[in-house]
N, C-alpha and C. Protein backbone atom coordinates (compact mmCIF):
# COMPACT_ATOMS: atom_id res chain seq x y z
N MET A 1 4.16 -10.50 -12.71
CA MET A 1 3.72 -9.35 -12.00
C MET A 1 4.51 -8.14 -12.50
N ASN A 2 3.93 -7.34 -13.35
CA ASN A 2 4.59 -6.16 -13.88
C ASN A 2 4.19 -4.94 -13.07
N PHE A 3 5.19 -4.23 -12.58
CA PHE A 3 4.97 -3.00 -11.85
C PHE A 3 5.62 -1.86 -12.62
N SER A 4 5.01 -0.73 -12.57
CA SER A 4 5.63 0.48 -13.10
C SER A 4 6.26 1.19 -11.91
N LEU A 5 7.55 1.39 -11.96
CA LEU A 5 8.27 1.98 -10.85
C LEU A 5 8.61 3.42 -11.18
N THR A 6 8.23 4.32 -10.29
CA THR A 6 8.48 5.73 -10.50
C THR A 6 9.19 6.28 -9.28
N ASP A 7 10.28 6.97 -9.47
CA ASP A 7 10.98 7.63 -8.37
C ASP A 7 10.64 9.11 -8.40
N ASN A 8 10.38 9.68 -7.24
CA ASN A 8 10.04 11.09 -7.13
C ASN A 8 10.90 11.68 -6.02
N PRO A 9 11.84 12.57 -6.36
CA PRO A 9 12.72 13.11 -5.33
C PRO A 9 11.99 13.94 -4.27
N ASP A 10 10.82 14.44 -4.58
CA ASP A 10 10.06 15.24 -3.62
C ASP A 10 9.13 14.39 -2.77
N GLY A 11 9.03 13.11 -3.03
CA GLY A 11 8.18 12.21 -2.26
C GLY A 11 6.78 12.14 -2.83
N PHE A 12 6.09 11.06 -2.50
CA PHE A 12 4.72 10.85 -2.96
C PHE A 12 3.76 11.16 -1.83
N ASN A 13 2.76 11.95 -2.15
CA ASN A 13 1.75 12.37 -1.19
C ASN A 13 0.37 12.05 -1.75
N ILE A 14 -0.47 11.45 -0.93
CA ILE A 14 -1.84 11.15 -1.34
C ILE A 14 -2.66 12.42 -1.14
N GLN A 15 -3.26 12.88 -2.21
CA GLN A 15 -4.04 14.12 -2.14
C GLN A 15 -5.53 13.89 -2.00
N ALA A 16 -6.03 12.78 -2.52
CA ALA A 16 -7.46 12.49 -2.41
C ALA A 16 -7.70 11.01 -2.64
N PHE A 17 -8.75 10.52 -2.02
CA PHE A 17 -9.15 9.14 -2.24
C PHE A 17 -10.67 9.06 -2.21
N GLU A 18 -11.20 8.29 -3.12
CA GLU A 18 -12.60 7.85 -3.08
C GLU A 18 -12.59 6.45 -3.66
N PRO A 19 -13.55 5.62 -3.29
CA PRO A 19 -13.53 4.24 -3.79
C PRO A 19 -13.35 4.19 -5.32
N GLY A 20 -12.32 3.47 -5.73
CA GLY A 20 -12.04 3.30 -7.15
C GLY A 20 -11.08 4.32 -7.73
N GLU A 21 -10.66 5.31 -6.91
CA GLU A 21 -9.79 6.37 -7.47
C GLU A 21 -8.96 7.00 -6.36
N ILE A 22 -7.69 7.22 -6.68
CA ILE A 22 -6.79 7.88 -5.74
C ILE A 22 -5.95 8.90 -6.52
N ARG A 23 -5.72 10.06 -5.90
CA ARG A 23 -4.88 11.09 -6.53
C ARG A 23 -3.60 11.22 -5.72
N ILE A 24 -2.48 11.02 -6.42
CA ILE A 24 -1.16 11.10 -5.83
C ILE A 24 -0.34 12.07 -6.66
N ASN A 25 0.16 13.12 -6.03
CA ASN A 25 0.98 14.12 -6.73
C ASN A 25 0.34 14.57 -8.04
N GLU A 26 -0.93 14.92 -7.96
CA GLU A 26 -1.71 15.45 -9.09
C GLU A 26 -2.00 14.43 -10.19
N ARG A 27 -1.72 13.18 -9.95
CA ARG A 27 -2.00 12.13 -10.93
C ARG A 27 -3.07 11.20 -10.37
N ILE A 28 -4.04 10.81 -11.18
CA ILE A 28 -5.14 9.97 -10.74
C ILE A 28 -4.86 8.52 -11.14
N PHE A 29 -5.08 7.62 -10.19
CA PHE A 29 -4.91 6.19 -10.39
C PHE A 29 -6.24 5.49 -10.12
N THR A 30 -6.52 4.47 -10.91
CA THR A 30 -7.77 3.72 -10.74
C THR A 30 -7.51 2.23 -10.51
N ARG A 31 -6.25 1.87 -10.35
CA ARG A 31 -5.89 0.47 -10.11
C ARG A 31 -5.16 0.36 -8.79
N ASN A 32 -5.23 -0.80 -8.18
CA ASN A 32 -4.55 -1.04 -6.91
C ASN A 32 -3.06 -0.75 -7.06
N LEU A 33 -2.44 -0.29 -5.97
CA LEU A 33 -1.03 0.09 -6.05
C LEU A 33 -0.34 -0.07 -4.70
N ILE A 34 0.98 0.02 -4.76
CA ILE A 34 1.83 0.03 -3.57
C ILE A 34 2.60 1.34 -3.62
N LEU A 35 2.70 1.97 -2.44
CA LEU A 35 3.28 3.30 -2.38
C LEU A 35 4.21 3.43 -1.18
N THR A 36 5.34 4.06 -1.39
CA THR A 36 6.21 4.50 -0.30
C THR A 36 6.48 5.97 -0.58
N PRO A 37 7.10 6.68 0.36
CA PRO A 37 7.43 8.08 0.05
C PRO A 37 8.36 8.23 -1.15
N GLU A 38 9.12 7.18 -1.47
CA GLU A 38 10.08 7.26 -2.58
C GLU A 38 9.65 6.54 -3.84
N LYS A 39 8.74 5.58 -3.74
CA LYS A 39 8.42 4.73 -4.89
C LYS A 39 6.92 4.52 -5.02
N LEU A 40 6.50 4.37 -6.27
CA LEU A 40 5.11 4.06 -6.59
C LEU A 40 5.10 2.86 -7.52
N LEU A 41 4.47 1.78 -7.08
CA LEU A 41 4.38 0.56 -7.87
C LEU A 41 2.93 0.44 -8.34
N GLU A 42 2.71 0.69 -9.60
CA GLU A 42 1.37 0.70 -10.15
C GLU A 42 0.88 -0.71 -10.47
N ASP A 43 -0.43 -0.83 -10.57
CA ASP A 43 -1.09 -2.07 -10.99
C ASP A 43 -0.73 -3.26 -10.12
N TRP A 44 -0.80 -3.08 -8.80
CA TRP A 44 -0.62 -4.21 -7.88
C TRP A 44 -1.68 -5.24 -8.21
N PRO A 45 -1.32 -6.47 -8.51
CA PRO A 45 -2.29 -7.44 -9.04
C PRO A 45 -3.27 -8.03 -8.03
N ALA A 46 -3.24 -7.61 -6.79
CA ALA A 46 -4.22 -8.11 -5.82
C ALA A 46 -5.62 -7.69 -6.23
N GLU A 47 -6.57 -8.60 -6.07
CA GLU A 47 -7.97 -8.30 -6.43
C GLU A 47 -8.75 -7.73 -5.26
N ASP A 48 -8.70 -8.43 -4.12
CA ASP A 48 -9.40 -7.99 -2.92
C ASP A 48 -8.72 -8.65 -1.72
N ALA A 49 -9.08 -8.21 -0.53
CA ALA A 49 -8.41 -8.71 0.68
C ALA A 49 -8.60 -10.21 0.86
N GLY A 50 -9.75 -10.72 0.49
CA GLY A 50 -10.04 -12.13 0.66
C GLY A 50 -9.20 -13.04 -0.22
N SER A 51 -8.69 -12.53 -1.33
CA SER A 51 -7.91 -13.36 -2.24
C SER A 51 -6.40 -13.11 -2.15
N LEU A 52 -5.97 -12.34 -1.15
CA LEU A 52 -4.54 -12.07 -1.01
C LEU A 52 -3.77 -13.34 -0.69
N GLN A 53 -2.58 -13.44 -1.28
CA GLN A 53 -1.67 -14.55 -1.03
C GLN A 53 -0.30 -13.98 -0.71
N ASP A 54 0.57 -14.82 -0.18
CA ASP A 54 1.90 -14.33 0.19
C ASP A 54 2.65 -13.74 -1.00
N THR A 55 2.41 -14.22 -2.19
CA THR A 55 3.09 -13.68 -3.37
C THR A 55 2.73 -12.22 -3.63
N HIS A 56 1.58 -11.76 -3.16
CA HIS A 56 1.20 -10.36 -3.34
C HIS A 56 2.10 -9.41 -2.54
N PHE A 57 2.83 -9.95 -1.57
CA PHE A 57 3.65 -9.11 -0.71
C PHE A 57 5.14 -9.15 -1.06
N GLU A 58 5.51 -9.86 -2.12
CA GLU A 58 6.92 -9.97 -2.51
C GLU A 58 7.54 -8.62 -2.83
N ALA A 59 6.84 -7.79 -3.57
CA ALA A 59 7.38 -6.47 -3.93
C ALA A 59 7.58 -5.60 -2.68
N ILE A 60 6.73 -5.78 -1.69
CA ILE A 60 6.85 -5.00 -0.46
C ILE A 60 8.09 -5.43 0.31
N LEU A 61 8.39 -6.72 0.31
CA LEU A 61 9.60 -7.20 0.99
C LEU A 61 10.84 -6.53 0.41
N GLU A 62 10.86 -6.33 -0.89
CA GLU A 62 12.01 -5.69 -1.54
C GLU A 62 12.15 -4.23 -1.11
N LEU A 63 11.04 -3.57 -0.78
CA LEU A 63 11.07 -2.17 -0.36
C LEU A 63 11.55 -2.02 1.09
N ALA A 64 11.44 -3.09 1.87
CA ALA A 64 11.90 -3.15 3.26
C ALA A 64 11.40 -1.99 4.12
N PRO A 65 10.08 -1.78 4.19
CA PRO A 65 9.58 -0.74 5.09
C PRO A 65 9.61 -1.23 6.54
N ASP A 66 9.46 -0.31 7.47
CA ASP A 66 9.28 -0.70 8.87
C ASP A 66 7.85 -1.13 9.12
N ILE A 67 6.92 -0.51 8.38
CA ILE A 67 5.51 -0.81 8.58
C ILE A 67 4.79 -0.78 7.23
N LEU A 68 3.85 -1.70 7.06
CA LEU A 68 2.99 -1.74 5.89
C LEU A 68 1.57 -1.41 6.33
N LEU A 69 0.96 -0.47 5.64
CA LEU A 69 -0.46 -0.17 5.81
C LEU A 69 -1.19 -0.87 4.69
N LEU A 70 -2.06 -1.81 5.04
CA LEU A 70 -2.84 -2.53 4.04
C LEU A 70 -4.24 -1.94 4.02
N GLY A 71 -4.56 -1.24 2.94
CA GLY A 71 -5.90 -0.67 2.75
C GLY A 71 -6.75 -1.67 2.00
N THR A 72 -7.82 -2.16 2.63
CA THR A 72 -8.59 -3.28 2.09
C THR A 72 -9.87 -2.87 1.38
N GLY A 73 -9.97 -1.63 0.94
CA GLY A 73 -11.16 -1.19 0.22
C GLY A 73 -12.10 -0.39 1.11
N LYS A 74 -13.39 -0.49 0.84
CA LYS A 74 -14.38 0.30 1.58
C LYS A 74 -14.46 -0.08 3.04
N ARG A 75 -14.17 -1.34 3.33
CA ARG A 75 -14.26 -1.84 4.71
C ARG A 75 -12.95 -2.50 5.12
N GLN A 76 -12.73 -2.54 6.40
CA GLN A 76 -11.59 -3.26 6.93
C GLN A 76 -11.88 -4.75 6.85
N VAL A 77 -11.02 -5.46 6.14
CA VAL A 77 -11.17 -6.91 5.98
C VAL A 77 -9.82 -7.54 6.31
N PHE A 78 -9.83 -8.50 7.21
CA PHE A 78 -8.58 -9.14 7.61
C PHE A 78 -8.32 -10.37 6.74
N PRO A 79 -7.26 -10.34 5.94
CA PRO A 79 -6.88 -11.54 5.20
C PRO A 79 -6.28 -12.55 6.17
N SER A 80 -6.06 -13.75 5.70
CA SER A 80 -5.46 -14.77 6.57
C SER A 80 -4.05 -14.34 6.95
N ALA A 81 -3.66 -14.65 8.17
CA ALA A 81 -2.32 -14.30 8.63
C ALA A 81 -1.24 -15.00 7.81
N ALA A 82 -1.56 -16.16 7.25
CA ALA A 82 -0.58 -16.90 6.45
C ALA A 82 -0.14 -16.10 5.23
N CYS A 83 -1.02 -15.27 4.70
CA CYS A 83 -0.66 -14.54 3.48
C CYS A 83 0.36 -13.44 3.74
N TYR A 84 0.45 -12.94 4.95
CA TYR A 84 1.45 -11.91 5.24
C TYR A 84 2.48 -12.36 6.29
N ALA A 85 2.59 -13.64 6.48
CA ALA A 85 3.56 -14.18 7.44
C ALA A 85 4.99 -13.81 7.04
N SER A 86 5.27 -13.71 5.74
CA SER A 86 6.63 -13.34 5.30
C SER A 86 7.00 -11.95 5.80
N LEU A 87 6.03 -11.05 5.90
CA LEU A 87 6.30 -9.71 6.44
C LEU A 87 6.66 -9.80 7.92
N MET A 88 5.90 -10.58 8.64
CA MET A 88 6.13 -10.71 10.08
C MET A 88 7.49 -11.37 10.35
N ARG A 89 7.87 -12.36 9.54
CA ARG A 89 9.19 -13.00 9.71
C ARG A 89 10.31 -12.00 9.50
N ARG A 90 10.11 -11.02 8.63
CA ARG A 90 11.12 -9.99 8.36
C ARG A 90 10.98 -8.80 9.30
N ARG A 91 10.10 -8.92 10.28
CA ARG A 91 9.86 -7.87 11.28
C ARG A 91 9.33 -6.58 10.66
N ILE A 92 8.50 -6.74 9.65
CA ILE A 92 7.79 -5.62 9.06
C ILE A 92 6.40 -5.61 9.69
N GLY A 93 6.09 -4.53 10.39
CA GLY A 93 4.78 -4.42 11.01
C GLY A 93 3.70 -4.26 9.95
N ILE A 94 2.50 -4.71 10.24
CA ILE A 94 1.40 -4.56 9.30
C ILE A 94 0.17 -4.06 10.05
N GLU A 95 -0.44 -3.03 9.50
CA GLU A 95 -1.69 -2.49 10.03
C GLU A 95 -2.73 -2.63 8.92
N ILE A 96 -3.85 -3.23 9.26
CA ILE A 96 -4.91 -3.49 8.28
C ILE A 96 -6.07 -2.57 8.59
N MET A 97 -6.51 -1.83 7.57
CA MET A 97 -7.60 -0.86 7.76
C MET A 97 -8.29 -0.62 6.43
N ASP A 98 -9.42 0.09 6.45
CA ASP A 98 -10.03 0.43 5.17
C ASP A 98 -9.09 1.38 4.43
N THR A 99 -9.25 1.49 3.12
CA THR A 99 -8.29 2.23 2.31
C THR A 99 -8.28 3.72 2.63
N ALA A 100 -9.42 4.32 2.93
CA ALA A 100 -9.43 5.74 3.28
C ALA A 100 -8.56 5.99 4.52
N ALA A 101 -8.69 5.14 5.53
CA ALA A 101 -7.88 5.28 6.74
C ALA A 101 -6.41 5.04 6.44
N ALA A 102 -6.11 4.07 5.58
CA ALA A 102 -4.73 3.79 5.21
C ALA A 102 -4.10 5.00 4.50
N CYS A 103 -4.87 5.68 3.66
CA CYS A 103 -4.36 6.87 2.97
C CYS A 103 -4.02 7.97 3.96
N ARG A 104 -4.92 8.23 4.90
CA ARG A 104 -4.67 9.27 5.91
C ARG A 104 -3.45 8.92 6.76
N THR A 105 -3.37 7.67 7.19
CA THR A 105 -2.26 7.23 8.04
C THR A 105 -0.94 7.29 7.28
N TYR A 106 -0.97 6.89 6.01
CA TYR A 106 0.24 6.96 5.18
C TYR A 106 0.79 8.38 5.16
N ASN A 107 -0.06 9.37 4.89
CA ASN A 107 0.42 10.75 4.81
C ASN A 107 1.04 11.21 6.12
N ILE A 108 0.45 10.82 7.23
CA ILE A 108 1.00 11.21 8.54
C ILE A 108 2.37 10.58 8.75
N LEU A 109 2.47 9.27 8.52
CA LEU A 109 3.74 8.58 8.74
C LEU A 109 4.82 9.04 7.75
N ALA A 110 4.44 9.28 6.51
CA ALA A 110 5.41 9.77 5.52
C ALA A 110 5.92 11.16 5.91
N ALA A 111 5.04 12.02 6.42
CA ALA A 111 5.44 13.36 6.85
C ALA A 111 6.40 13.30 8.04
N GLU A 112 6.33 12.22 8.81
CA GLU A 112 7.24 12.02 9.94
C GLU A 112 8.54 11.32 9.51
N ASP A 113 8.73 11.16 8.20
CA ASP A 113 9.90 10.49 7.64
C ASP A 113 10.05 9.05 8.12
N ARG A 114 8.91 8.38 8.31
CA ARG A 114 8.92 6.97 8.70
C ARG A 114 9.10 6.11 7.46
N ARG A 115 9.64 4.92 7.61
CA ARG A 115 9.82 3.97 6.51
C ARG A 115 8.51 3.19 6.37
N VAL A 116 7.55 3.83 5.69
CA VAL A 116 6.21 3.29 5.56
C VAL A 116 5.95 2.88 4.11
N ALA A 117 5.14 1.85 3.96
CA ALA A 117 4.62 1.46 2.64
C ALA A 117 3.12 1.29 2.82
N ALA A 118 2.38 1.58 1.74
CA ALA A 118 0.94 1.38 1.73
C ALA A 118 0.60 0.51 0.53
N ALA A 119 -0.10 -0.58 0.78
CA ALA A 119 -0.64 -1.45 -0.27
C ALA A 119 -2.13 -1.17 -0.30
N LEU A 120 -2.60 -0.57 -1.38
CA LEU A 120 -3.95 -0.01 -1.40
C LEU A 120 -4.85 -0.69 -2.43
N LEU A 121 -5.91 -1.30 -1.92
CA LEU A 121 -6.97 -1.84 -2.77
C LEU A 121 -7.99 -0.72 -2.94
N LEU A 122 -8.25 -0.32 -4.14
CA LEU A 122 -9.06 0.88 -4.37
C LEU A 122 -10.57 0.65 -4.38
N ARG A 123 -11.01 -0.60 -4.41
CA ARG A 123 -12.47 -0.87 -4.40
C ARG A 123 -12.86 -1.69 -3.21
C-alpha cells in the first residue's frame, strides 16, 4: 500500500467535489484518498464500500483522529462492521455517508480544529 504523504502547514481544505474528482487546495485528485487537516494520503487502495476490509483502515489508525468520515461514493453504503472494528476498539468514531456529505462535514469539523480524518471514495 503506497501512499503519497504531503504536509501542508496551512491545512487541507476541500474546495469542490463531483463524482470521480475532488479539488483540495487548488489541486485536483481523481483517485480515492485519505485526508486530515495536516496530511493527505493519495491513492487509497480501497475500491468501493462493499469491498472494504480492516486493512484499508491501517493508515487511519496511524493518524489517530477522533472521528473518521467515510465517504462511500454517490450513495451512502454501510460496509460490514467487522472491517472497521479496529477503529472502534481504538475509540475512533466513524460516520458513514455519501462522499459529497463527507466533504462538507470534513470542512466544518476541520474549521473547528477537530481531529478529523476523511476516507473518500470518489466514485
